[in-house]
């Protein structure tokens, strides 16, 4: 149950990062680095999400 909540929290953080990146893209000037930082967070969260899903299936908690 804890793993499923953790996966849901990481997924929600990815969606929030995506929304923040869209806002940065619409509002900021081209010299702003906030969009790049948001992308880095989203990539890191996606890697963490994949690792959690793989671990969940490997351990039998999700399967």
C-alpha atoms as a PDB file:
ATOM      1  CA  UNK A   1       0.000   0.000   0.000  1.00  0.00           C
ATOM      2  CA  UNK A   2       2.858   2.371   0.845  1.00  0.00           C
ATOM      3  CA  UNK A   3       4.482   1.782  -2.547  1.00  0.00           C
ATOM      4  CA  UNK A   4       1.268   2.606  -4.372  1.00  0.00           C
ATOM      5  CA  UNK A   5       0.921   5.868  -2.440  1.00  0.00           C
ATOM      6  CA  UNK A   6       4.532   6.720  -3.207  1.00  0.00           C
ATOM      7  CA  UNK A   7       3.985   6.054  -6.920  1.00  0.00           C
ATOM      8  CA  UNK A   8       0.865   8.238  -6.888  1.00  0.00           C
ATOM      9  CA  UNK A   9       2.756  11.049  -5.121  1.00  0.00           C
ATOM     10  CA  UNK A  10       5.608  10.943  -7.659  1.00  0.00           C
ATOM     11  CA  UNK A  11       3.112  10.957 -10.528  1.00  0.00           C
ATOM     12  CA  UNK A  12       1.312  13.945  -9.010  1.00  0.00           C
ATOM     13  CA  UNK A  13       4.640  15.754  -8.638  1.00  0.00           C
ATOM     14  CA  UNK A  14       5.313  15.098 -12.336  1.00  0.00           C
ATOM     15  CA  UNK A  15       1.972  16.621 -13.307  1.00  0.00           C
ATOM     16  CA  UNK A  16       2.669  19.664 -11.125  1.00  0.00           C
ATOM     17  CA  UNK A  17       6.098  20.049 -12.721  1.00  0.00           C
ATOM     18  CA  UNK A  18       4.509  19.804 -16.159  1.00  0.00           C
ATOM     19  CA  UNK A  19       1.994  22.533 -15.312  1.00  0.00           C
ATOM     20  CA  UNK A  20       4.748  24.737 -13.880  1.00  0.00           C
ATOM     21  CA  UNK A  21       6.827  24.246 -17.021  1.00  0.00           C
ATOM     22  CA  UNK A  22       3.898  25.224 -19.213  1.00  0.00           C
ATOM     23  CA  UNK A  23       3.411  28.356 -17.132  1.00  0.00           C
ATOM     24  CA  UNK A  24       7.111  29.215 -17.355  1.00  0.00           C
ATOM     25  CA  UNK A  25       7.042  28.717 -21.121  1.00  0.00           C
ATOM     26  CA  UNK A  26       4.129  31.118 -21.520  1.00  0.00           C
ATOM     27  CA  UNK A  27       5.267  33.831 -19.086  1.00  0.00           C
ATOM     28  CA  UNK A  28       9.072  33.943 -19.005  1.00  0.00           C
ATOM     29  CA  UNK A  29      11.500  35.522 -21.401  1.00  0.00           C
ATOM     30  CA  UNK A  30      13.838  33.400 -23.471  1.00  0.00           C
ATOM     31  CA  UNK A  31      16.745  34.030 -21.087  1.00  0.00           C
ATOM     32  CA  UNK A  32      14.963  32.352 -18.146  1.00  0.00           C
ATOM     33  CA  UNK A  33      16.248  28.979 -16.978  1.00  0.00           C
ATOM     34  CA  UNK A  34      13.149  28.014 -14.989  1.00  0.00           C
ATOM     35  CA  UNK A  35      11.762  25.974 -17.891  1.00  0.00           C
ATOM     36  CA  UNK A  36      14.987  23.968 -18.090  1.00  0.00           C
ATOM     37  CA  UNK A  37      14.979  23.359 -14.333  1.00  0.00           C
ATOM     38  CA  UNK A  38      11.357  22.206 -14.521  1.00  0.00           C
ATOM     39  CA  UNK A  39      12.308  19.788 -17.306  1.00  0.00           C
ATOM     40  CA  UNK A  40      15.196  18.414 -15.224  1.00  0.00           C
ATOM     41  CA  UNK A  41      12.835  17.800 -12.291  1.00  0.00           C
ATOM     42  CA  UNK A  42      10.333  16.072 -14.568  1.00  0.00           C
ATOM     43  CA  UNK A  43      12.982  13.780 -16.047  1.00  0.00           C
ATOM     44  CA  UNK A  44      14.275  12.902 -12.588  1.00  0.00           C
ATOM     45  CA  UNK A  45      10.770  12.185 -11.340  1.00  0.00           C
ATOM     46  CA  UNK A  46      10.063  10.023 -14.393  1.00  0.00           C
ATOM     47  CA  UNK A  47      13.198   7.954 -13.704  1.00  0.00           C
ATOM     48  CA  UNK A  48      12.173   7.580 -10.068  1.00  0.00           C
ATOM     49  CA  UNK A  49       8.660   6.564 -11.108  1.00  0.00           C
ATOM     50  CA  UNK A  50       9.973   3.904 -13.474  1.00  0.00           C
ATOM     51  CA  UNK A  51      12.312   2.575 -10.784  1.00  0.00           C
ATOM     52  CA  UNK A  52       9.449   2.390  -8.285  1.00  0.00           C
ATOM     53  CA  UNK A  53       7.206   0.568 -10.766  1.00  0.00           C
ATOM     54  CA  UNK A  54       9.952  -1.911 -11.682  1.00  0.00           C
ATOM     55  CA  UNK A  55      10.692  -2.493  -7.994  1.00  0.00           C
ATOM     56  CA  UNK A  56       6.990  -2.980  -7.295  1.00  0.00           C
ATOM     57  CA  UNK A  57       6.634  -5.666  -9.941  1.00  0.00           C
ATOM     58  CA  UNK A  58       9.940  -7.288  -8.971  1.00  0.00           C
ATOM     59  CA  UNK A  59       8.958  -7.498  -5.312  1.00  0.00           C
ATOM     60  CA  UNK A  60       5.414  -8.631  -6.085  1.00  0.00           C
ATOM     61  CA  UNK A  61       3.682  -5.665  -4.461  1.00  0.00           C
ATOM     62  CA  UNK A  62       2.151  -4.455  -7.740  1.00  0.00           C
ATOM     63  CA  UNK A  63       1.731  -7.732  -9.569  1.00  0.00           C
END
